[in-house]
N, C-alpha and C. Protein backbone atom coordinates (compact mmCIF):
# COMPACT_ATOMS: atom_id res chain seq x y z
N MET A 1 9.54 12.78 14.80
CA MET A 1 9.38 12.90 13.36
C MET A 1 8.23 12.00 12.90
N LYS A 2 7.46 12.53 11.95
CA LYS A 2 6.30 11.80 11.44
C LYS A 2 6.71 10.58 10.62
N ASN A 3 5.80 9.62 10.59
CA ASN A 3 5.99 8.46 9.72
C ASN A 3 5.77 8.87 8.27
N ILE A 4 6.38 8.15 7.38
CA ILE A 4 6.13 8.29 5.95
C ILE A 4 5.27 7.10 5.57
N VAL A 5 4.08 7.38 5.06
CA VAL A 5 3.13 6.32 4.73
C VAL A 5 2.90 6.34 3.22
N LEU A 6 3.08 5.17 2.60
CA LEU A 6 2.92 5.04 1.16
C LEU A 6 1.59 4.38 0.83
N LEU A 7 0.82 5.07 0.01
CA LEU A 7 -0.48 4.58 -0.46
C LEU A 7 -0.40 4.33 -1.96
N GLY A 8 -1.21 3.43 -2.44
CA GLY A 8 -1.28 3.22 -3.89
C GLY A 8 -1.92 1.89 -4.20
N MET A 9 -2.24 1.74 -5.46
CA MET A 9 -2.83 0.51 -5.94
C MET A 9 -1.80 -0.62 -5.89
N ARG A 10 -2.28 -1.82 -5.95
CA ARG A 10 -1.43 -3.01 -6.05
C ARG A 10 -0.49 -2.81 -7.23
N GLY A 11 0.79 -3.06 -7.02
CA GLY A 11 1.77 -2.93 -8.10
C GLY A 11 2.35 -1.54 -8.27
N SER A 12 2.00 -0.61 -7.39
CA SER A 12 2.48 0.77 -7.55
C SER A 12 3.91 0.98 -7.05
N GLY A 13 4.45 -0.01 -6.34
CA GLY A 13 5.84 0.09 -5.89
C GLY A 13 6.01 0.50 -4.44
N LYS A 14 4.94 0.44 -3.67
CA LYS A 14 5.00 0.89 -2.27
C LYS A 14 6.05 0.13 -1.46
N SER A 15 6.08 -1.17 -1.58
CA SER A 15 7.02 -1.98 -0.79
C SER A 15 8.46 -1.74 -1.21
N THR A 16 8.70 -1.69 -2.51
CA THR A 16 10.05 -1.46 -3.03
C THR A 16 10.56 -0.09 -2.61
N ILE A 17 9.74 0.93 -2.82
CA ILE A 17 10.12 2.30 -2.50
C ILE A 17 10.25 2.47 -0.98
N GLY A 18 9.33 1.87 -0.24
CA GLY A 18 9.38 1.97 1.22
C GLY A 18 10.66 1.40 1.80
N ALA A 19 11.06 0.23 1.31
CA ALA A 19 12.29 -0.39 1.80
C ALA A 19 13.51 0.48 1.47
N LEU A 20 13.57 0.99 0.26
CA LEU A 20 14.68 1.87 -0.14
C LEU A 20 14.72 3.14 0.70
N LEU A 21 13.56 3.74 0.87
CA LEU A 21 13.45 4.98 1.62
C LEU A 21 13.86 4.79 3.08
N ALA A 22 13.37 3.73 3.69
CA ALA A 22 13.71 3.45 5.09
C ALA A 22 15.20 3.25 5.26
N LYS A 23 15.79 2.52 4.35
CA LYS A 23 17.23 2.27 4.41
C LYS A 23 18.01 3.58 4.29
N GLU A 24 17.62 4.40 3.34
CA GLU A 24 18.33 5.65 3.10
C GLU A 24 18.16 6.64 4.26
N LEU A 25 16.98 6.67 4.85
CA LEU A 25 16.71 7.61 5.95
C LEU A 25 17.00 7.00 7.33
N LYS A 26 17.43 5.75 7.33
CA LYS A 26 17.71 5.03 8.59
C LYS A 26 16.49 5.02 9.51
N LYS A 27 15.36 4.64 8.91
CA LYS A 27 14.11 4.51 9.65
C LYS A 27 13.68 3.04 9.64
N LYS A 28 12.79 2.69 10.54
CA LYS A 28 12.20 1.36 10.53
C LYS A 28 11.26 1.25 9.33
N PHE A 29 11.15 0.05 8.77
CA PHE A 29 10.26 -0.17 7.64
C PHE A 29 9.23 -1.23 8.00
N PHE A 30 7.99 -0.92 7.69
CA PHE A 30 6.89 -1.86 7.88
C PHE A 30 6.08 -1.95 6.60
N ASP A 31 5.66 -3.14 6.27
CA ASP A 31 4.77 -3.38 5.15
C ASP A 31 3.52 -4.02 5.75
N THR A 32 2.37 -3.37 5.62
CA THR A 32 1.17 -3.89 6.30
C THR A 32 0.84 -5.31 5.86
N ASP A 33 0.99 -5.60 4.57
CA ASP A 33 0.69 -6.96 4.11
C ASP A 33 1.64 -7.99 4.73
N ALA A 34 2.92 -7.64 4.80
CA ALA A 34 3.90 -8.55 5.42
C ALA A 34 3.60 -8.74 6.90
N GLU A 35 3.20 -7.68 7.57
CA GLU A 35 2.86 -7.77 9.00
C GLU A 35 1.64 -8.67 9.21
N ILE A 36 0.67 -8.56 8.33
CA ILE A 36 -0.52 -9.41 8.42
C ILE A 36 -0.13 -10.86 8.21
N GLU A 37 0.70 -11.12 7.19
CA GLU A 37 1.12 -12.50 6.92
C GLU A 37 1.90 -13.09 8.10
N LYS A 38 2.71 -12.28 8.78
CA LYS A 38 3.41 -12.76 9.98
C LYS A 38 2.41 -13.17 11.05
N GLU A 39 1.40 -12.35 11.23
CA GLU A 39 0.40 -12.60 12.27
C GLU A 39 -0.45 -13.83 11.96
N ILE A 40 -0.89 -13.98 10.72
CA ILE A 40 -1.80 -15.09 10.38
C ILE A 40 -1.06 -16.35 9.98
N GLN A 41 0.24 -16.23 9.78
CA GLN A 41 1.13 -17.35 9.44
C GLN A 41 0.67 -18.11 8.19
N MET A 42 0.24 -17.33 7.20
CA MET A 42 -0.08 -17.88 5.88
C MET A 42 -0.11 -16.72 4.90
N SER A 43 -0.19 -17.03 3.63
CA SER A 43 -0.26 -15.95 2.64
C SER A 43 -1.63 -15.28 2.73
N ILE A 44 -1.67 -14.03 2.29
CA ILE A 44 -2.94 -13.31 2.27
C ILE A 44 -3.92 -14.04 1.35
N SER A 45 -3.43 -14.52 0.23
CA SER A 45 -4.28 -15.24 -0.71
C SER A 45 -4.95 -16.43 -0.05
N ASP A 46 -4.16 -17.24 0.68
CA ASP A 46 -4.72 -18.40 1.37
C ASP A 46 -5.71 -17.98 2.45
N PHE A 47 -5.37 -16.90 3.16
CA PHE A 47 -6.25 -16.42 4.23
C PHE A 47 -7.59 -15.96 3.65
N VAL A 48 -7.54 -15.21 2.55
CA VAL A 48 -8.77 -14.71 1.93
C VAL A 48 -9.62 -15.87 1.42
N LYS A 49 -8.98 -16.89 0.83
CA LYS A 49 -9.72 -18.07 0.36
C LYS A 49 -10.42 -18.77 1.53
N LYS A 50 -9.72 -18.82 2.66
CA LYS A 50 -10.23 -19.54 3.85
C LYS A 50 -11.24 -18.71 4.64
N GLU A 51 -10.91 -17.44 4.88
CA GLU A 51 -11.70 -16.61 5.80
C GLU A 51 -12.53 -15.52 5.13
N GLY A 52 -12.16 -15.13 3.89
CA GLY A 52 -12.89 -14.08 3.18
C GLY A 52 -12.26 -12.70 3.33
N TRP A 53 -12.71 -11.81 2.44
CA TRP A 53 -12.14 -10.45 2.43
C TRP A 53 -12.48 -9.65 3.70
N ASN A 54 -13.67 -9.83 4.25
CA ASN A 54 -14.04 -9.07 5.46
C ASN A 54 -13.11 -9.40 6.62
N ALA A 55 -12.77 -10.67 6.77
CA ALA A 55 -11.84 -11.06 7.84
C ALA A 55 -10.46 -10.46 7.58
N PHE A 56 -10.04 -10.43 6.31
CA PHE A 56 -8.76 -9.81 5.99
C PHE A 56 -8.78 -8.32 6.34
N ARG A 57 -9.84 -7.63 5.96
CA ARG A 57 -9.93 -6.18 6.23
C ARG A 57 -9.90 -5.90 7.73
N GLU A 58 -10.46 -6.79 8.53
CA GLU A 58 -10.41 -6.61 9.99
C GLU A 58 -8.96 -6.74 10.50
N ARG A 59 -8.24 -7.73 9.98
CA ARG A 59 -6.81 -7.90 10.35
C ARG A 59 -6.02 -6.66 9.92
N GLU A 60 -6.31 -6.20 8.71
CA GLU A 60 -5.62 -5.04 8.16
C GLU A 60 -5.85 -3.81 9.06
N LYS A 61 -7.06 -3.63 9.52
CA LYS A 61 -7.41 -2.50 10.38
C LYS A 61 -6.63 -2.57 11.69
N LYS A 62 -6.53 -3.77 12.26
CA LYS A 62 -5.79 -3.97 13.51
C LYS A 62 -4.30 -3.64 13.33
N ILE A 63 -3.72 -4.13 12.25
CA ILE A 63 -2.30 -3.87 11.95
C ILE A 63 -2.09 -2.38 11.70
N CYS A 64 -2.99 -1.77 10.97
CA CYS A 64 -2.91 -0.34 10.68
C CYS A 64 -2.93 0.48 11.97
N ALA A 65 -3.82 0.15 12.87
CA ALA A 65 -3.90 0.86 14.16
C ALA A 65 -2.60 0.71 14.94
N ALA A 66 -2.04 -0.49 14.94
CA ALA A 66 -0.78 -0.72 15.66
C ALA A 66 0.37 0.04 15.02
N LEU A 67 0.49 -0.02 13.70
CA LEU A 67 1.59 0.66 13.01
C LEU A 67 1.47 2.17 13.08
N SER A 68 0.26 2.68 13.19
CA SER A 68 0.08 4.13 13.29
C SER A 68 0.68 4.69 14.58
N GLN A 69 0.94 3.81 15.55
CA GLN A 69 1.55 4.23 16.82
C GLN A 69 3.08 4.29 16.73
N GLU A 70 3.63 3.73 15.67
CA GLU A 70 5.08 3.75 15.49
C GLU A 70 5.55 5.19 15.27
N LYS A 71 6.84 5.40 15.50
CA LYS A 71 7.42 6.71 15.26
C LYS A 71 8.63 6.54 14.36
N ASN A 72 8.89 7.56 13.54
CA ASN A 72 10.09 7.59 12.71
C ASN A 72 10.21 6.35 11.82
N SER A 73 9.10 6.00 11.18
CA SER A 73 9.05 4.79 10.36
C SER A 73 8.55 5.09 8.96
N VAL A 74 8.79 4.14 8.07
CA VAL A 74 8.22 4.15 6.74
C VAL A 74 7.24 2.98 6.69
N ILE A 75 6.01 3.26 6.27
CA ILE A 75 4.97 2.23 6.24
C ILE A 75 4.42 2.11 4.83
N ALA A 76 4.58 0.93 4.23
CA ALA A 76 3.98 0.62 2.93
C ALA A 76 2.65 -0.07 3.23
N THR A 77 1.57 0.49 2.71
CA THR A 77 0.25 -0.06 3.01
C THR A 77 -0.24 -0.96 1.89
N GLY A 78 -1.21 -1.79 2.21
CA GLY A 78 -1.88 -2.58 1.20
C GLY A 78 -2.75 -1.65 0.35
N GLY A 79 -3.02 -2.05 -0.87
CA GLY A 79 -3.78 -1.21 -1.80
C GLY A 79 -5.16 -0.83 -1.31
N GLY A 80 -5.78 -1.66 -0.49
CA GLY A 80 -7.13 -1.40 -0.02
C GLY A 80 -7.22 -0.70 1.33
N ILE A 81 -6.11 -0.27 1.86
CA ILE A 81 -6.10 0.36 3.19
C ILE A 81 -7.03 1.57 3.24
N ILE A 82 -7.20 2.23 2.10
CA ILE A 82 -8.00 3.45 2.04
C ILE A 82 -9.51 3.17 2.06
N LEU A 83 -9.91 1.92 2.01
CA LEU A 83 -11.33 1.58 2.00
C LEU A 83 -11.99 1.85 3.35
N ASP A 84 -11.20 1.93 4.39
CA ASP A 84 -11.74 2.19 5.74
C ASP A 84 -11.19 3.52 6.22
N THR A 85 -12.07 4.48 6.43
CA THR A 85 -11.63 5.81 6.84
C THR A 85 -10.90 5.80 8.18
N GLU A 86 -11.21 4.84 9.04
CA GLU A 86 -10.50 4.74 10.31
C GLU A 86 -9.01 4.48 10.09
N ASN A 87 -8.67 3.70 9.07
CA ASN A 87 -7.26 3.45 8.76
C ASN A 87 -6.56 4.76 8.42
N ILE A 88 -7.19 5.57 7.59
CA ILE A 88 -6.58 6.83 7.15
C ILE A 88 -6.45 7.78 8.33
N HIS A 89 -7.47 7.90 9.14
CA HIS A 89 -7.39 8.78 10.32
C HIS A 89 -6.25 8.35 11.24
N ALA A 90 -6.12 7.06 11.47
CA ALA A 90 -5.05 6.55 12.34
C ALA A 90 -3.68 6.88 11.75
N LEU A 91 -3.49 6.63 10.46
CA LEU A 91 -2.19 6.87 9.82
C LEU A 91 -1.84 8.35 9.74
N LYS A 92 -2.84 9.20 9.59
CA LYS A 92 -2.60 10.64 9.49
C LYS A 92 -2.18 11.27 10.82
N LYS A 93 -2.59 10.68 11.94
CA LYS A 93 -2.26 11.24 13.26
C LYS A 93 -0.76 11.40 13.43
N ASN A 94 -0.01 10.46 12.89
CA ASN A 94 1.44 10.47 13.09
C ASN A 94 2.18 10.23 11.77
N GLY A 95 1.53 10.60 10.66
CA GLY A 95 2.19 10.31 9.39
C GLY A 95 1.85 11.29 8.28
N MET A 96 2.74 11.33 7.32
CA MET A 96 2.52 12.06 6.08
C MET A 96 2.24 11.01 5.01
N LEU A 97 1.11 11.15 4.32
CA LEU A 97 0.67 10.13 3.37
C LEU A 97 1.00 10.52 1.94
N PHE A 98 1.78 9.66 1.29
CA PHE A 98 2.20 9.83 -0.10
C PHE A 98 1.46 8.82 -0.96
N PHE A 99 0.77 9.32 -1.98
CA PHE A 99 0.07 8.45 -2.91
C PHE A 99 0.91 8.28 -4.17
N LEU A 100 1.24 7.04 -4.51
CA LEU A 100 1.99 6.72 -5.72
C LEU A 100 0.98 6.46 -6.84
N ASP A 101 0.81 7.44 -7.69
CA ASP A 101 -0.18 7.39 -8.76
C ASP A 101 0.45 6.76 -10.01
N VAL A 102 -0.03 5.59 -10.37
CA VAL A 102 0.52 4.84 -11.50
C VAL A 102 -0.63 4.49 -12.45
N PRO A 103 -0.47 4.73 -13.75
CA PRO A 103 -1.54 4.38 -14.70
C PRO A 103 -1.85 2.87 -14.68
N ILE A 104 -3.12 2.56 -14.90
CA ILE A 104 -3.60 1.18 -14.85
C ILE A 104 -2.80 0.24 -15.76
N PRO A 105 -2.53 0.60 -17.03
CA PRO A 105 -1.77 -0.33 -17.87
C PRO A 105 -0.38 -0.66 -17.30
N VAL A 106 0.24 0.32 -16.66
CA VAL A 106 1.56 0.09 -16.04
C VAL A 106 1.42 -0.85 -14.85
N LEU A 107 0.39 -0.62 -14.03
CA LEU A 107 0.14 -1.52 -12.89
C LEU A 107 -0.08 -2.95 -13.37
N ALA A 108 -0.91 -3.10 -14.38
CA ALA A 108 -1.22 -4.44 -14.90
C ALA A 108 0.04 -5.12 -15.40
N GLN A 109 0.88 -4.37 -16.10
CA GLN A 109 2.13 -4.91 -16.62
C GLN A 109 3.04 -5.37 -15.48
N ARG A 110 3.15 -4.55 -14.45
CA ARG A 110 4.00 -4.89 -13.30
C ARG A 110 3.49 -6.14 -12.59
N ILE A 111 2.20 -6.19 -12.37
CA ILE A 111 1.62 -7.33 -11.65
C ILE A 111 1.81 -8.61 -12.45
N GLU A 112 1.55 -8.55 -13.73
CA GLU A 112 1.71 -9.73 -14.57
C GLU A 112 3.17 -10.15 -14.67
N ALA A 113 4.08 -9.18 -14.68
CA ALA A 113 5.51 -9.49 -14.73
C ALA A 113 5.98 -10.17 -13.45
N GLN A 114 5.36 -9.84 -12.35
CA GLN A 114 5.69 -10.47 -11.06
C GLN A 114 5.11 -11.87 -10.97
N ASN A 115 4.24 -12.19 -11.92
CA ASN A 115 3.50 -13.45 -11.85
C ASN A 115 2.89 -13.57 -10.47
N ALA A 116 2.09 -12.59 -10.15
CA ALA A 116 1.62 -12.36 -8.79
C ALA A 116 0.56 -13.35 -8.33
N ASN A 117 0.86 -14.63 -8.41
CA ASN A 117 -0.09 -15.64 -7.95
C ASN A 117 -0.35 -15.59 -6.46
N HIS A 118 0.59 -15.03 -5.71
CA HIS A 118 0.40 -14.97 -4.26
C HIS A 118 -0.57 -13.87 -3.86
N ARG A 119 -0.98 -13.05 -4.82
CA ARG A 119 -1.93 -11.99 -4.52
C ARG A 119 -3.32 -12.45 -4.95
N PRO A 120 -4.29 -12.32 -4.07
CA PRO A 120 -5.63 -12.81 -4.41
C PRO A 120 -6.33 -11.94 -5.44
N ALA A 121 -7.03 -12.57 -6.36
CA ALA A 121 -7.83 -11.85 -7.35
C ALA A 121 -9.14 -11.42 -6.71
N PHE A 122 -9.64 -10.28 -7.16
CA PHE A 122 -10.92 -9.80 -6.67
C PHE A 122 -12.06 -10.32 -7.54
N THR A 123 -11.75 -10.55 -8.81
CA THR A 123 -12.78 -10.93 -9.78
C THR A 123 -12.21 -11.98 -10.73
N LYS A 124 -13.02 -12.38 -11.70
CA LYS A 124 -12.58 -13.33 -12.72
C LYS A 124 -12.13 -12.60 -13.99
N LYS A 125 -11.95 -11.30 -13.92
CA LYS A 125 -11.59 -10.48 -15.08
C LYS A 125 -10.08 -10.50 -15.31
N THR A 126 -9.66 -9.89 -16.42
CA THR A 126 -8.22 -9.75 -16.67
C THR A 126 -7.65 -8.81 -15.61
N THR A 127 -6.34 -8.83 -15.46
CA THR A 127 -5.69 -7.96 -14.48
C THR A 127 -6.05 -6.50 -14.74
N GLU A 128 -5.97 -6.08 -15.99
CA GLU A 128 -6.27 -4.67 -16.30
C GLU A 128 -7.73 -4.32 -16.04
N GLU A 129 -8.65 -5.21 -16.38
CA GLU A 129 -10.08 -4.96 -16.12
C GLU A 129 -10.34 -4.88 -14.62
N GLU A 130 -9.72 -5.77 -13.89
CA GLU A 130 -9.88 -5.78 -12.44
C GLU A 130 -9.36 -4.47 -11.84
N LEU A 131 -8.19 -4.04 -12.30
CA LEU A 131 -7.61 -2.80 -11.80
C LEU A 131 -8.45 -1.59 -12.16
N GLN A 132 -9.02 -1.58 -13.36
CA GLN A 132 -9.90 -0.47 -13.77
C GLN A 132 -11.09 -0.35 -12.81
N GLU A 133 -11.66 -1.50 -12.49
CA GLU A 133 -12.81 -1.52 -11.58
C GLU A 133 -12.42 -1.03 -10.18
N LEU A 134 -11.30 -1.53 -9.69
CA LEU A 134 -10.82 -1.09 -8.37
C LEU A 134 -10.54 0.41 -8.38
N TRP A 135 -9.89 0.88 -9.44
CA TRP A 135 -9.54 2.30 -9.54
C TRP A 135 -10.79 3.17 -9.51
N LYS A 136 -11.82 2.75 -10.21
CA LYS A 136 -13.07 3.51 -10.25
C LYS A 136 -13.63 3.67 -8.83
N ASN A 137 -13.52 2.62 -8.03
CA ASN A 137 -14.06 2.64 -6.66
C ASN A 137 -13.12 3.29 -5.64
N ARG A 138 -11.85 3.39 -5.96
CA ARG A 138 -10.87 3.86 -4.99
C ARG A 138 -10.25 5.22 -5.29
N LYS A 139 -10.34 5.66 -6.52
CA LYS A 139 -9.64 6.86 -6.98
C LYS A 139 -9.82 8.05 -6.02
N GLU A 140 -11.06 8.40 -5.75
CA GLU A 140 -11.33 9.56 -4.89
C GLU A 140 -10.78 9.36 -3.48
N LYS A 141 -10.84 8.14 -3.00
CA LYS A 141 -10.32 7.85 -1.65
C LYS A 141 -8.81 8.06 -1.59
N TYR A 142 -8.09 7.62 -2.62
CA TYR A 142 -6.64 7.83 -2.66
C TYR A 142 -6.31 9.32 -2.68
N PHE A 143 -6.97 10.05 -3.57
CA PHE A 143 -6.66 11.47 -3.70
C PHE A 143 -7.03 12.26 -2.45
N SER A 144 -8.13 11.91 -1.81
CA SER A 144 -8.52 12.66 -0.60
C SER A 144 -7.67 12.28 0.61
N ALA A 145 -7.16 11.07 0.64
CA ALA A 145 -6.32 10.64 1.78
C ALA A 145 -4.90 11.20 1.69
N ALA A 146 -4.41 11.41 0.48
CA ALA A 146 -3.00 11.77 0.27
C ALA A 146 -2.68 13.19 0.71
N ASP A 147 -1.54 13.33 1.36
CA ASP A 147 -0.98 14.65 1.62
C ASP A 147 -0.18 15.11 0.41
N ILE A 148 0.49 14.15 -0.24
CA ILE A 148 1.32 14.42 -1.41
C ILE A 148 1.02 13.34 -2.46
N ILE A 149 0.87 13.77 -3.71
CA ILE A 149 0.62 12.83 -4.81
C ILE A 149 1.86 12.83 -5.70
N LEU A 150 2.40 11.64 -5.94
CA LEU A 150 3.60 11.48 -6.76
C LEU A 150 3.33 10.57 -7.94
N SER A 151 4.03 10.81 -9.03
CA SER A 151 3.93 9.90 -10.17
C SER A 151 4.73 8.65 -9.83
N GLY A 152 4.04 7.54 -9.77
CA GLY A 152 4.70 6.27 -9.46
C GLY A 152 5.35 5.64 -10.67
N GLU A 153 5.31 6.33 -11.81
CA GLU A 153 5.96 5.80 -13.01
C GLU A 153 7.46 6.07 -13.00
N ASN A 154 7.89 6.97 -12.15
CA ASN A 154 9.30 7.30 -12.04
C ASN A 154 10.07 6.10 -11.48
N THR A 155 11.38 6.14 -11.51
CA THR A 155 12.17 5.04 -10.94
C THR A 155 12.07 5.10 -9.42
N PRO A 156 12.19 3.95 -8.76
CA PRO A 156 12.15 3.97 -7.29
C PRO A 156 13.15 4.95 -6.68
N LYS A 157 14.37 5.00 -7.22
CA LYS A 157 15.38 5.93 -6.68
C LYS A 157 14.94 7.38 -6.81
N ASN A 158 14.34 7.74 -7.93
CA ASN A 158 13.87 9.11 -8.11
C ASN A 158 12.68 9.43 -7.21
N ILE A 159 11.81 8.46 -6.99
CA ILE A 159 10.68 8.67 -6.08
C ILE A 159 11.20 8.87 -4.65
N VAL A 160 12.18 8.07 -4.26
CA VAL A 160 12.79 8.23 -2.94
C VAL A 160 13.38 9.63 -2.80
N LYS A 161 14.09 10.07 -3.81
CA LYS A 161 14.70 11.41 -3.81
C LYS A 161 13.62 12.49 -3.65
N THR A 162 12.50 12.33 -4.34
CA THR A 162 11.41 13.30 -4.25
C THR A 162 10.78 13.29 -2.86
N ILE A 163 10.53 12.12 -2.30
CA ILE A 163 9.94 12.05 -0.97
C ILE A 163 10.86 12.69 0.06
N LYS A 164 12.14 12.49 -0.07
CA LYS A 164 13.10 13.07 0.87
C LYS A 164 13.03 14.59 0.91
N LYS A 165 12.61 15.22 -0.18
CA LYS A 165 12.46 16.68 -0.20
C LYS A 165 11.32 17.15 0.70
N TYR A 166 10.37 16.27 0.95
CA TYR A 166 9.21 16.64 1.77
C TYR A 166 9.39 16.34 3.25
N VAL A 167 10.38 15.55 3.59
CA VAL A 167 10.52 15.14 5.01
C VAL A 167 11.77 15.65 5.66
């Protein structure tokens, strides 16, 4: 059985939905960001401050390649996983990719509500401005990578129910 891979912007609910989905389907659950943090033994934010974004993206690519070999799993990806086409090709070989499409104001609200200090900022802009900029650069990549596009504004339980119809 193919892996279920969740794509989306930061704050779209990939980790929450992935954990729920894996539990309900009795599949293994992996979160690429959590796997990276296990490997580097520090927060992503600290790693990016110390080593830079390019070093992080290299770690992300390595983790993505390893997780793409898993079977019967749910994989929640980092928001920038789609920046490297090799990541998408690897994940598609053994996975169905679901994009959680969430409007920018909702993402900004979620991130701010989490007080997401552990997540590194890309710019000195407000959360919403930063997300708008990221969205402009990533939108087409998300849509072209996705096998299925879902509204991420729905409740996690409803999104899980919808994904289950496809698998």
